[in-house]
């Protein structure tokens, strides 16, 4: 059977569709990401005519074992490891990486993700978008006693490109996306976001306000590193403080905010606050223990957030 022949016109389109310059940008904090960088480096080297660089920026890590391990990145072809002494936060470190980048296209990947597709970079480079592309993430195996794993697994059905494209600006995360450098520099992350959470949500809103299209594709990274239950509860609480601080900016872009704003009776909010004051510590103990429950997690989040709003 004769081999398939690529028509010259199709080859011309593919050649000029593929992006030829790529800066891969990885912010990290207390994570060893040498394996991630190694896989990305191998894929980039295998792509013909691709000018690339991989820049890892350490955002003031406190774990010296991680920073020492990540020094190995410097010996990988086309890779740069930048150790910063002060933690500036998830928004500012991404803006910093964008300014450091040399090439037209920027690919941001979180340092705790993994590469699950040998054609991961090629899929991005062959995308038709000329603005922003989000590839999503795939939940790996985990422990049924781990709250973060249960939470991510329950949301897994919404991670497909088809689902995400229905609400392209609300279902956007910074763990794995590509953007033109000029767009990123013109519309940077809001550096007021110093605590954990929601800087990606506001970034999605900003893109929508400026008419910048997000294309959603199925090109996931692997998400298989889940923090301990207490750490995830504490991270969630920190995120709820961020949500409260920027509730006006995030209105309409968060399900919890929408739900809370839909409660128009003051006594209902008061009852939820009272419940949280009485039973919140018990719920928190359960969530941080060996038998977390997602329903309790939702109730705890609602009560915790309303406790921040006082009588509003």
C-alpha atoms as a PDB file:
ATOM      1  CA  UNK A   1       0.000   0.000   0.000  1.00  0.00           C
ATOM      2  CA  UNK A   2       1.600   3.325  -1.027  1.00  0.00           C
ATOM      3  CA  UNK A   3       2.548   5.749   1.704  1.00  0.00           C
ATOM      4  CA  UNK A   4       0.360   8.833   2.087  1.00  0.00           C
ATOM      5  CA  UNK A   5       1.795  11.890   0.364  1.00  0.00           C
ATOM      6  CA  UNK A   6       1.378  15.351   1.858  1.00  0.00           C
ATOM      7  CA  UNK A   7       0.042  17.754  -0.760  1.00  0.00           C
ATOM      8  CA  UNK A   8       2.456  20.705  -1.216  1.00  0.00           C
ATOM      9  CA  UNK A   9      -0.267  23.244  -0.375  1.00  0.00           C
ATOM     10  CA  UNK A  10      -1.124  21.401   2.869  1.00  0.00           C
ATOM     11  CA  UNK A  11       2.577  21.208   3.750  1.00  0.00           C
ATOM     12  CA  UNK A  12       2.880  24.970   3.167  1.00  0.00           C
ATOM     13  CA  UNK A  13      -0.060  25.656   5.493  1.00  0.00           C
ATOM     14  CA  UNK A  14       1.346  23.374   8.211  1.00  0.00           C
ATOM     15  CA  UNK A  15       4.791  24.935   7.926  1.00  0.00           C
ATOM     16  CA  UNK A  16       3.455  28.442   8.329  1.00  0.00           C
ATOM     17  CA  UNK A  17       0.934  27.503  11.032  1.00  0.00           C
ATOM     18  CA  UNK A  18       3.565  26.035  13.321  1.00  0.00           C
ATOM     19  CA  UNK A  19       5.053  28.542  15.719  1.00  0.00           C
ATOM     20  CA  UNK A  20       8.834  28.638  15.310  1.00  0.00           C
ATOM     21  CA  UNK A  21       9.805  30.529  18.491  1.00  0.00           C
ATOM     22  CA  UNK A  22       8.893  29.432  21.993  1.00  0.00           C
ATOM     23  CA  UNK A  23       9.829  30.518  25.489  1.00  0.00           C
ATOM     24  CA  UNK A  24       8.784  27.876  28.027  1.00  0.00           C
ATOM     25  CA  UNK A  25       8.310  29.592  31.385  1.00  0.00           C
ATOM     26  CA  UNK A  26       8.075  27.727  34.689  1.00  0.00           C
ATOM     27  CA  UNK A  27       7.506  29.544  37.988  1.00  0.00           C
ATOM     28  CA  UNK A  28       8.414  27.389  40.977  1.00  0.00           C
ATOM     29  CA  UNK A  29       8.283  27.527  44.743  1.00  0.00           C
ATOM     30  CA  UNK A  30       9.645  24.691  46.881  1.00  0.00           C
ATOM     31  CA  UNK A  31       9.293  22.211  44.001  1.00  0.00           C
ATOM     32  CA  UNK A  32      11.945  20.105  42.278  1.00  0.00           C
ATOM     33  CA  UNK A  33      11.125  20.400  38.567  1.00  0.00           C
ATOM     34  CA  UNK A  34      14.183  18.828  36.904  1.00  0.00           C
ATOM     35  CA  UNK A  35      12.149  15.933  35.475  1.00  0.00           C
ATOM     36  CA  UNK A  36       9.571  18.320  33.989  1.00  0.00           C
ATOM     37  CA  UNK A  37      12.281  20.491  32.434  1.00  0.00           C
ATOM     38  CA  UNK A  38      14.143  17.452  31.115  1.00  0.00           C
ATOM     39  CA  UNK A  39      11.084  16.162  29.250  1.00  0.00           C
ATOM     40  CA  UNK A  40      10.288  19.575  27.809  1.00  0.00           C
ATOM     41  CA  UNK A  41      13.877  20.026  26.744  1.00  0.00           C
ATOM     42  CA  UNK A  42      13.916  16.662  24.954  1.00  0.00           C
ATOM     43  CA  UNK A  43      10.698  17.464  23.071  1.00  0.00           C
ATOM     44  CA  UNK A  44      11.913  20.937  22.080  1.00  0.00           C
ATOM     45  CA  UNK A  45      15.245  19.606  20.776  1.00  0.00           C
ATOM     46  CA  UNK A  46      13.398  17.042  18.638  1.00  0.00           C
ATOM     47  CA  UNK A  47      11.364  19.675  16.760  1.00  0.00           C
ATOM     48  CA  UNK A  48      13.074  20.932  13.604  1.00  0.00           C
ATOM     49  CA  UNK A  49      13.685  24.653  13.151  1.00  0.00           C
ATOM     50  CA  UNK A  50      12.396  25.554  16.610  1.00  0.00           C
ATOM     51  CA  UNK A  51      14.120  28.344  18.504  1.00  0.00           C
ATOM     52  CA  UNK A  52      13.368  27.720  22.148  1.00  0.00           C
ATOM     53  CA  UNK A  53      14.383  28.506  25.687  1.00  0.00           C
ATOM     54  CA  UNK A  54      13.222  27.150  29.038  1.00  0.00           C
ATOM     55  CA  UNK A  55      13.341  29.592  31.940  1.00  0.00           C
ATOM     56  CA  UNK A  56      12.635  28.429  35.477  1.00  0.00           C
ATOM     57  CA  UNK A  57      12.191  31.228  38.009  1.00  0.00           C
ATOM     58  CA  UNK A  58      12.324  30.284  41.679  1.00  0.00           C
ATOM     59  CA  UNK A  59      10.062  32.605  43.645  1.00  0.00           C
ATOM     60  CA  UNK A  60      12.049  32.769  46.884  1.00  0.00           C
ATOM     61  CA  UNK A  61      11.850  29.087  47.853  1.00  0.00           C
ATOM     62  CA  UNK A  62      12.567  28.289  51.499  1.00  0.00           C
ATOM     63  CA  UNK A  63      13.506  24.625  50.899  1.00  0.00           C
ATOM     64  CA  UNK A  64      17.236  24.531  50.191  1.00  0.00           C
ATOM     65  CA  UNK A  65      17.048  20.896  49.032  1.00  0.00           C
ATOM     66  CA  UNK A  66      14.709  21.969  46.212  1.00  0.00           C
ATOM     67  CA  UNK A  67      16.852  24.882  45.103  1.00  0.00           C
ATOM     68  CA  UNK A  68      20.018  22.770  45.157  1.00  0.00           C
ATOM     69  CA  UNK A  69      18.332  20.034  43.090  1.00  0.00           C
ATOM     70  CA  UNK A  70      17.043  22.588  40.585  1.00  0.00           C
ATOM     71  CA  UNK A  71      20.575  23.857  39.939  1.00  0.00           C
ATOM     72  CA  UNK A  72      20.878  20.889  37.558  1.00  0.00           C
ATOM     73  CA  UNK A  73      18.579  22.761  35.155  1.00  0.00           C
ATOM     74  CA  UNK A  74      21.478  25.049  34.249  1.00  0.00           C
ATOM     75  CA  UNK A  75      23.283  22.154  32.561  1.00  0.00           C
ATOM     76  CA  UNK A  76      20.360  21.315  30.255  1.00  0.00           C
ATOM     77  CA  UNK A  77      20.523  22.732  26.676  1.00  0.00           C
ATOM     78  CA  UNK A  78      18.670  26.017  26.252  1.00  0.00           C
ATOM     79  CA  UNK A  79      17.648  26.137  29.926  1.00  0.00           C
ATOM     80  CA  UNK A  80      18.026  28.905  32.504  1.00  0.00           C
ATOM     81  CA  UNK A  81      17.427  28.673  36.251  1.00  0.00           C
ATOM     82  CA  UNK A  82      16.890  31.971  38.098  1.00  0.00           C
ATOM     83  CA  UNK A  83      16.935  31.937  41.889  1.00  0.00           C
ATOM     84  CA  UNK A  84      15.150  34.931  43.370  1.00  0.00           C
ATOM     85  CA  UNK A  85      15.589  35.796  47.025  1.00  0.00           C
ATOM     86  CA  UNK A  86      12.165  37.321  47.707  1.00  0.00           C
ATOM     87  CA  UNK A  87       8.769  35.718  47.213  1.00  0.00           C
ATOM     88  CA  UNK A  88       6.714  38.108  45.060  1.00  0.00           C
ATOM     89  CA  UNK A  89       3.660  35.911  44.473  1.00  0.00           C
ATOM     90  CA  UNK A  90       2.113  33.930  41.655  1.00  0.00           C
ATOM     91  CA  UNK A  91       1.078  36.953  39.581  1.00  0.00           C
ATOM     92  CA  UNK A  92       4.317  38.924  39.780  1.00  0.00           C
ATOM     93  CA  UNK A  93       6.586  35.938  39.088  1.00  0.00           C
ATOM     94  CA  UNK A  94       4.714  35.200  35.854  1.00  0.00           C
ATOM     95  CA  UNK A  95       5.000  38.820  34.747  1.00  0.00           C
ATOM     96  CA  UNK A  96       8.713  38.665  35.525  1.00  0.00           C
ATOM     97  CA  UNK A  97       9.119  35.533  33.403  1.00  0.00           C
ATOM     98  CA  UNK A  98       7.306  37.174  30.489  1.00  0.00           C
ATOM     99  CA  UNK A  99       9.702  40.122  30.611  1.00  0.00           C
ATOM    100  CA  UNK A 100      12.710  37.786  30.683  1.00  0.00           C
ATOM    101  CA  UNK A 101      11.506  35.775  27.687  1.00  0.00           C
ATOM    102  CA  UNK A 102      13.158  36.254  24.312  1.00  0.00           C
ATOM    103  CA  UNK A 103      10.627  34.720  21.933  1.00  0.00           C
ATOM    104  CA  UNK A 104       7.245  35.580  20.435  1.00  0.00           C
ATOM    105  CA  UNK A 105       5.273  32.753  22.049  1.00  0.00           C
ATOM    106  CA  UNK A 106       5.210  32.048  25.785  1.00  0.00           C
ATOM    107  CA  UNK A 107       4.219  28.685  27.249  1.00  0.00           C
ATOM    108  CA  UNK A 108       3.529  28.788  30.994  1.00  0.00           C
ATOM    109  CA  UNK A 109       3.583  25.520  32.943  1.00  0.00           C
ATOM    110  CA  UNK A 110       3.338  25.086  36.707  1.00  0.00           C
ATOM    111  CA  UNK A 111       6.320  23.331  38.246  1.00  0.00           C
ATOM    112  CA  UNK A 112       4.249  20.621  39.951  1.00  0.00           C
ATOM    113  CA  UNK A 113       2.741  19.399  36.679  1.00  0.00           C
ATOM    114  CA  UNK A 114       4.044  16.528  34.519  1.00  0.00           C
ATOM    115  CA  UNK A 115       4.251  15.888  30.776  1.00  0.00           C
ATOM    116  CA  UNK A 116       1.982  13.010  29.713  1.00  0.00           C
ATOM    117  CA  UNK A 117       1.999  13.365  25.907  1.00  0.00           C
ATOM    118  CA  UNK A 118       5.182  12.890  23.816  1.00  0.00           C
ATOM    119  CA  UNK A 119       3.695  15.376  21.302  1.00  0.00           C
ATOM    120  CA  UNK A 120       2.840  17.964  23.967  1.00  0.00           C
ATOM    121  CA  UNK A 121       4.924  20.819  22.537  1.00  0.00           C
ATOM    122  CA  UNK A 122       4.113  19.959  18.932  1.00  0.00           C
ATOM    123  CA  UNK A 123       0.394  20.119  19.731  1.00  0.00           C
ATOM    124  CA  UNK A 124       0.787  23.675  20.984  1.00  0.00           C
ATOM    125  CA  UNK A 125       3.041  24.757  18.139  1.00  0.00           C
ATOM    126  CA  UNK A 126       0.573  23.425  15.560  1.00  0.00           C
ATOM    127  CA  UNK A 127      -2.450  25.131  17.136  1.00  0.00           C
ATOM    128  CA  UNK A 128      -4.261  27.617  14.922  1.00  0.00           C
ATOM    129  CA  UNK A 129      -4.741  30.273  17.592  1.00  0.00           C
ATOM    130  CA  UNK A 130      -2.895  33.548  17.200  1.00  0.00           C
ATOM    131  CA  UNK A 131      -3.641  34.777  20.725  1.00  0.00           C
ATOM    132  CA  UNK A 132      -4.093  32.414  23.710  1.00  0.00           C
ATOM    133  CA  UNK A 133      -4.311  28.614  23.933  1.00  0.00           C
ATOM    134  CA  UNK A 134      -5.172  26.615  27.055  1.00  0.00           C
ATOM    135  CA  UNK A 135      -4.452  22.884  27.100  1.00  0.00           C
ATOM    136  CA  UNK A 136      -6.005  21.848  30.413  1.00  0.00           C
ATOM    137  CA  UNK A 137      -4.816  19.194  32.835  1.00  0.00           C
ATOM    138  CA  UNK A 138      -5.430  15.526  33.546  1.00  0.00           C
ATOM    139  CA  UNK A 139      -5.840  14.206  37.086  1.00  0.00           C
ATOM    140  CA  UNK A 140      -3.509  11.306  37.817  1.00  0.00           C
ATOM    141  CA  UNK A 141      -3.864   8.540  40.349  1.00  0.00           C
ATOM    142  CA  UNK A 142      -4.255   9.438  43.993  1.00  0.00           C
ATOM    143  CA  UNK A 143      -5.293   8.416  47.464  1.00  0.00           C
ATOM    144  CA  UNK A 144      -9.015   8.270  48.239  1.00  0.00           C
ATOM    145  CA  UNK A 145      -8.164   9.713  51.659  1.00  0.00           C
ATOM    146  CA  UNK A 146      -6.633  12.818  50.052  1.00  0.00           C
ATOM    147  CA  UNK A 147      -8.972  15.824  49.920  1.00  0.00           C
ATOM    148  CA  UNK A 148      -7.232  17.533  47.004  1.00  0.00           C
ATOM    149  CA  UNK A 149      -7.376  14.351  44.938  1.00  0.00           C
ATOM    150  CA  UNK A 150     -11.084  13.865  45.682  1.00  0.00           C
ATOM    151  CA  UNK A 151     -11.786  17.498  44.810  1.00  0.00           C
ATOM    152  CA  UNK A 152      -9.917  17.396  41.501  1.00  0.00           C
ATOM    153  CA  UNK A 153     -11.311  14.000  40.551  1.00  0.00           C
ATOM    154  CA  UNK A 154     -14.884  15.200  41.109  1.00  0.00           C
ATOM    155  CA  UNK A 155     -14.261  18.131  38.742  1.00  0.00           C
ATOM    156  CA  UNK A 156     -12.518  16.015  36.088  1.00  0.00           C
ATOM    157  CA  UNK A 157     -15.539  15.836  33.795  1.00  0.00           C
ATOM    158  CA  UNK A 158     -15.296  19.569  33.144  1.00  0.00           C
ATOM    159  CA  UNK A 159     -11.665  19.479  32.014  1.00  0.00           C
ATOM    160  CA  UNK A 160     -12.266  18.518  28.381  1.00  0.00           C
ATOM    161  CA  UNK A 161     -11.736  21.204  25.733  1.00  0.00           C
ATOM    162  CA  UNK A 162     -15.367  20.876  24.637  1.00  0.00           C
ATOM    163  CA  UNK A 163     -16.600  21.662  28.169  1.00  0.00           C
ATOM    164  CA  UNK A 164     -14.092  24.449  28.750  1.00  0.00           C
ATOM    165  CA  UNK A 165     -14.878  26.151  25.460  1.00  0.00           C
ATOM    166  CA  UNK A 166     -18.478  26.657  26.615  1.00  0.00           C
ATOM    167  CA  UNK A 167     -17.194  29.165  29.196  1.00  0.00           C
ATOM    168  CA  UNK A 168     -13.760  29.966  27.786  1.00  0.00           C
ATOM    169  CA  UNK A 169     -12.867  32.835  30.108  1.00  0.00           C
ATOM    170  CA  UNK A 170     -14.165  31.293  33.342  1.00  0.00           C
ATOM    171  CA  UNK A 171     -12.640  27.839  32.751  1.00  0.00           C
ATOM    172  CA  UNK A 172      -9.097  29.096  32.346  1.00  0.00           C
ATOM    173  CA  UNK A 173      -6.122  28.253  34.561  1.00  0.00           C
ATOM    174  CA  UNK A 174      -2.481  29.228  34.507  1.00  0.00           C
ATOM    175  CA  UNK A 175      -1.105  25.707  34.952  1.00  0.00           C
ATOM    176  CA  UNK A 176      -0.702  25.122  31.205  1.00  0.00           C
ATOM    177  CA  UNK A 177      -1.300  27.849  28.617  1.00  0.00           C
ATOM    178  CA  UNK A 178       0.390  29.547  25.669  1.00  0.00           C
ATOM    179  CA  UNK A 179       0.107  33.242  24.850  1.00  0.00           C
ATOM    180  CA  UNK A 180       1.731  35.732  22.500  1.00  0.00           C
ATOM    181  CA  UNK A 181       4.368  37.692  24.381  1.00  0.00           C
ATOM    182  CA  UNK A 182       3.105  41.087  23.235  1.00  0.00           C
ATOM    183  CA  UNK A 183      -0.371  40.301  24.586  1.00  0.00           C
ATOM    184  CA  UNK A 184       1.062  39.156  27.904  1.00  0.00           C
ATOM    185  CA  UNK A 185       3.130  42.301  28.280  1.00  0.00           C
ATOM    186  CA  UNK A 186       0.160  44.496  27.355  1.00  0.00           C
ATOM    187  CA  UNK A 187      -2.192  42.703  29.779  1.00  0.00           C
ATOM    188  CA  UNK A 188      -0.086  41.363  32.667  1.00  0.00           C
ATOM    189  CA  UNK A 189      -1.331  39.578  35.758  1.00  0.00           C
ATOM    190  CA  UNK A 190      -2.583  41.878  38.498  1.00  0.00           C
ATOM    191  CA  UNK A 191       0.285  42.018  40.989  1.00  0.00           C
ATOM    192  CA  UNK A 192      -2.015  43.036  43.832  1.00  0.00           C
ATOM    193  CA  UNK A 193      -2.697  39.305  44.087  1.00  0.00           C
ATOM    194  CA  UNK A 194      -0.035  38.360  46.627  1.00  0.00           C
ATOM    195  CA  UNK A 195      -1.898  35.577  48.439  1.00  0.00           C
ATOM    196  CA  UNK A 196      -2.822  32.251  46.931  1.00  0.00           C
ATOM    197  CA  UNK A 197      -5.621  32.019  44.386  1.00  0.00           C
ATOM    198  CA  UNK A 198      -7.751  33.701  41.733  1.00  0.00           C
ATOM    199  CA  UNK A 199      -5.110  35.657  39.817  1.00  0.00           C
ATOM    200  CA  UNK A 200      -5.899  33.357  36.881  1.00  0.00           C
ATOM    201  CA  UNK A 201      -9.618  34.117  37.147  1.00  0.00           C
ATOM    202  CA  UNK A 202      -9.043  37.873  36.919  1.00  0.00           C
ATOM    203  CA  UNK A 203      -6.594  37.313  34.053  1.00  0.00           C
ATOM    204  CA  UNK A 204      -9.330  35.463  32.143  1.00  0.00           C
ATOM    205  CA  UNK A 205     -11.708  38.339  32.782  1.00  0.00           C
ATOM    206  CA  UNK A 206      -9.079  40.818  31.543  1.00  0.00           C
ATOM    207  CA  UNK A 207      -8.630  38.875  28.311  1.00  0.00           C
ATOM    208  CA  UNK A 208     -12.378  38.918  27.735  1.00  0.00           C
ATOM    209  CA  UNK A 209     -12.617  42.662  28.372  1.00  0.00           C
ATOM    210  CA  UNK A 210      -9.973  43.292  25.697  1.00  0.00           C
ATOM    211  CA  UNK A 211     -11.518  40.937  23.151  1.00  0.00           C
ATOM    212  CA  UNK A 212      -8.632  38.444  23.265  1.00  0.00           C
ATOM    213  CA  UNK A 213      -9.825  34.968  22.316  1.00  0.00           C
ATOM    214  CA  UNK A 214      -8.878  31.884  24.328  1.00  0.00           C
ATOM    215  CA  UNK A 215      -8.775  28.679  22.304  1.00  0.00           C
ATOM    216  CA  UNK A 216      -9.277  25.542  24.402  1.00  0.00           C
ATOM    217  CA  UNK A 217      -7.601  22.350  23.204  1.00  0.00           C
ATOM    218  CA  UNK A 218      -7.116  18.889  24.687  1.00  0.00           C
ATOM    219  CA  UNK A 219      -3.388  19.040  25.383  1.00  0.00           C
ATOM    220  CA  UNK A 220      -3.224  18.372  29.114  1.00  0.00           C
ATOM    221  CA  UNK A 221      -0.386  18.259  31.544  1.00  0.00           C
ATOM    222  CA  UNK A 222      -0.560  15.678  34.299  1.00  0.00           C
ATOM    223  CA  UNK A 223      -1.716  16.713  37.756  1.00  0.00           C
ATOM    224  CA  UNK A 224      -0.609  14.003  40.148  1.00  0.00           C
ATOM    225  CA  UNK A 225       1.010  15.830  43.053  1.00  0.00           C
ATOM    226  CA  UNK A 226      -1.506  16.378  45.852  1.00  0.00           C
ATOM    227  CA  UNK A 227      -0.657  18.166  49.082  1.00  0.00           C
ATOM    228  CA  UNK A 228      -1.637  16.760  52.469  1.00  0.00           C
ATOM    229  CA  UNK A 229      -5.174  17.467  53.664  1.00  0.00           C
ATOM    230  CA  UNK A 230      -4.303  20.109  56.256  1.00  0.00           C
ATOM    231  CA  UNK A 231      -2.111  21.967  53.761  1.00  0.00           C
ATOM    232  CA  UNK A 232      -4.946  21.984  51.213  1.00  0.00           C
ATOM    233  CA  UNK A 233      -7.447  23.255  53.794  1.00  0.00           C
ATOM    234  CA  UNK A 234      -5.041  26.057  54.727  1.00  0.00           C
ATOM    235  CA  UNK A 235      -4.472  26.883  51.049  1.00  0.00           C
ATOM    236  CA  UNK A 236      -8.240  26.969  50.507  1.00  0.00           C
ATOM    237  CA  UNK A 237      -8.672  29.363  53.429  1.00  0.00           C
ATOM    238  CA  UNK A 238      -5.963  31.618  52.012  1.00  0.00           C
ATOM    239  CA  UNK A 239      -7.725  31.554  48.652  1.00  0.00           C
ATOM    240  CA  UNK A 240     -11.025  32.532  50.285  1.00  0.00           C
ATOM    241  CA  UNK A 241      -9.319  35.582  51.807  1.00  0.00           C
ATOM    242  CA  UNK A 242      -8.156  36.489  48.284  1.00  0.00           C
ATOM    243  CA  UNK A 243     -11.672  35.961  46.943  1.00  0.00           C
ATOM    244  CA  UNK A 244     -13.109  38.267  49.601  1.00  0.00           C
ATOM    245  CA  UNK A 245     -10.458  40.929  49.045  1.00  0.00           C
ATOM    246  CA  UNK A 246     -11.147  41.016  45.296  1.00  0.00           C
ATOM    247  CA  UNK A 247     -14.836  40.116  45.358  1.00  0.00           C
ATOM    248  CA  UNK A 248     -15.842  43.176  43.327  1.00  0.00           C
ATOM    249  CA  UNK A 249     -13.344  42.416  40.552  1.00  0.00           C
ATOM    250  CA  UNK A 250     -14.239  38.720  40.496  1.00  0.00           C
ATOM    251  CA  UNK A 251     -18.015  39.140  40.575  1.00  0.00           C
ATOM    252  CA  UNK A 252     -19.621  36.916  37.953  1.00  0.00           C
ATOM    253  CA  UNK A 253     -16.486  34.793  37.561  1.00  0.00           C
ATOM    254  CA  UNK A 254     -16.720  32.573  40.641  1.00  0.00           C
ATOM    255  CA  UNK A 255     -19.431  30.087  41.594  1.00  0.00           C
ATOM    256  CA  UNK A 256     -19.160  30.700  45.347  1.00  0.00           C
ATOM    257  CA  UNK A 257     -19.461  34.463  44.885  1.00  0.00           C
ATOM    258  CA  UNK A 258     -22.479  34.000  42.643  1.00  0.00           C
ATOM    259  CA  UNK A 259     -24.119  31.740  45.231  1.00  0.00           C
ATOM    260  CA  UNK A 260     -23.423  34.122  48.124  1.00  0.00           C
ATOM    261  CA  UNK A 261     -24.663  37.125  46.148  1.00  0.00           C
ATOM    262  CA  UNK A 262     -27.850  35.190  45.471  1.00  0.00           C
ATOM    263  CA  UNK A 263     -28.652  34.981  49.202  1.00  0.00           C
ATOM    264  CA  UNK A 264     -30.796  38.074  49.715  1.00  0.00           C
ATOM    265  CA  UNK A 265     -32.137  37.297  53.189  1.00  0.00           C
ATOM    266  CA  UNK A 266     -29.878  38.517  55.980  1.00  0.00           C
ATOM    267  CA  UNK A 267     -31.052  35.915  58.469  1.00  0.00           C
ATOM    268  CA  UNK A 268     -29.949  33.106  56.118  1.00  0.00           C
ATOM    269  CA  UNK A 269     -26.408  34.473  56.026  1.00  0.00           C
ATOM    270  CA  UNK A 270     -26.509  34.938  59.795  1.00  0.00           C
ATOM    271  CA  UNK A 271     -27.597  31.315  60.238  1.00  0.00           C
ATOM    272  CA  UNK A 272     -24.737  30.061  58.050  1.00  0.00           C
ATOM    273  CA  UNK A 273     -22.235  32.172  60.029  1.00  0.00           C
ATOM    274  CA  UNK A 274     -23.599  30.783  63.287  1.00  0.00           C
ATOM    275  CA  UNK A 275     -23.346  27.228  61.934  1.00  0.00           C
ATOM    276  CA  UNK A 276     -19.734  27.867  60.926  1.00  0.00           C
ATOM    277  CA  UNK A 277     -18.866  29.338  64.313  1.00  0.00           C
ATOM    278  CA  UNK A 278     -20.314  26.293  66.074  1.00  0.00           C
ATOM    279  CA  UNK A 279     -19.383  23.474  63.713  1.00  0.00           C
ATOM    280  CA  UNK A 280     -16.617  24.904  61.520  1.00  0.00           C
ATOM    281  CA  UNK A 281     -13.820  23.589  63.782  1.00  0.00           C
ATOM    282  CA  UNK A 282     -15.362  20.102  63.661  1.00  0.00           C
ATOM    283  CA  UNK A 283     -15.683  20.263  59.872  1.00  0.00           C
ATOM    284  CA  UNK A 284     -12.092  21.446  59.549  1.00  0.00           C
ATOM    285  CA  UNK A 285     -10.844  18.590  61.736  1.00  0.00           C
ATOM    286  CA  UNK A 286     -12.725  16.096  59.545  1.00  0.00           C
ATOM    287  CA  UNK A 287     -11.356  17.625  56.319  1.00  0.00           C
ATOM    288  CA  UNK A 288      -7.783  17.571  57.603  1.00  0.00           C
ATOM    289  CA  UNK A 289      -8.089  13.974  58.771  1.00  0.00           C
ATOM    290  CA  UNK A 290      -8.142  10.588  57.076  1.00  0.00           C
ATOM    291  CA  UNK A 291     -11.761  10.696  55.959  1.00  0.00           C
ATOM    292  CA  UNK A 292     -12.477  14.001  54.183  1.00  0.00           C
ATOM    293  CA  UNK A 293     -15.818  14.591  52.545  1.00  0.00           C
ATOM    294  CA  UNK A 294     -16.553  16.891  49.592  1.00  0.00           C
ATOM    295  CA  UNK A 295     -20.007  17.911  50.843  1.00  0.00           C
ATOM    296  CA  UNK A 296     -18.492  18.991  54.153  1.00  0.00           C
ATOM    297  CA  UNK A 297     -15.783  20.794  52.174  1.00  0.00           C
ATOM    298  CA  UNK A 298     -18.398  22.833  50.294  1.00  0.00           C
ATOM    299  CA  UNK A 299     -20.225  23.697  53.518  1.00  0.00           C
ATOM    300  CA  UNK A 300     -16.985  24.679  55.211  1.00  0.00           C
ATOM    301  CA  UNK A 301     -15.957  26.945  52.330  1.00  0.00           C
ATOM    302  CA  UNK A 302     -19.327  28.711  52.333  1.00  0.00           C
ATOM    303  CA  UNK A 303     -19.265  29.238  56.087  1.00  0.00           C
ATOM    304  CA  UNK A 304     -15.648  30.370  56.100  1.00  0.00           C
ATOM    305  CA  UNK A 305     -16.248  32.897  53.321  1.00  0.00           C
ATOM    306  CA  UNK A 306     -19.378  34.325  54.952  1.00  0.00           C
ATOM    307  CA  UNK A 307     -17.513  34.623  58.237  1.00  0.00           C
ATOM    308  CA  UNK A 308     -15.111  36.963  56.421  1.00  0.00           C
ATOM    309  CA  UNK A 309     -17.942  39.154  55.148  1.00  0.00           C
ATOM    310  CA  UNK A 310     -19.242  39.820  58.668  1.00  0.00           C
ATOM    311  CA  UNK A 311     -22.684  41.412  58.324  1.00  0.00           C
ATOM    312  CA  UNK A 312     -22.574  42.343  54.633  1.00  0.00           C
END
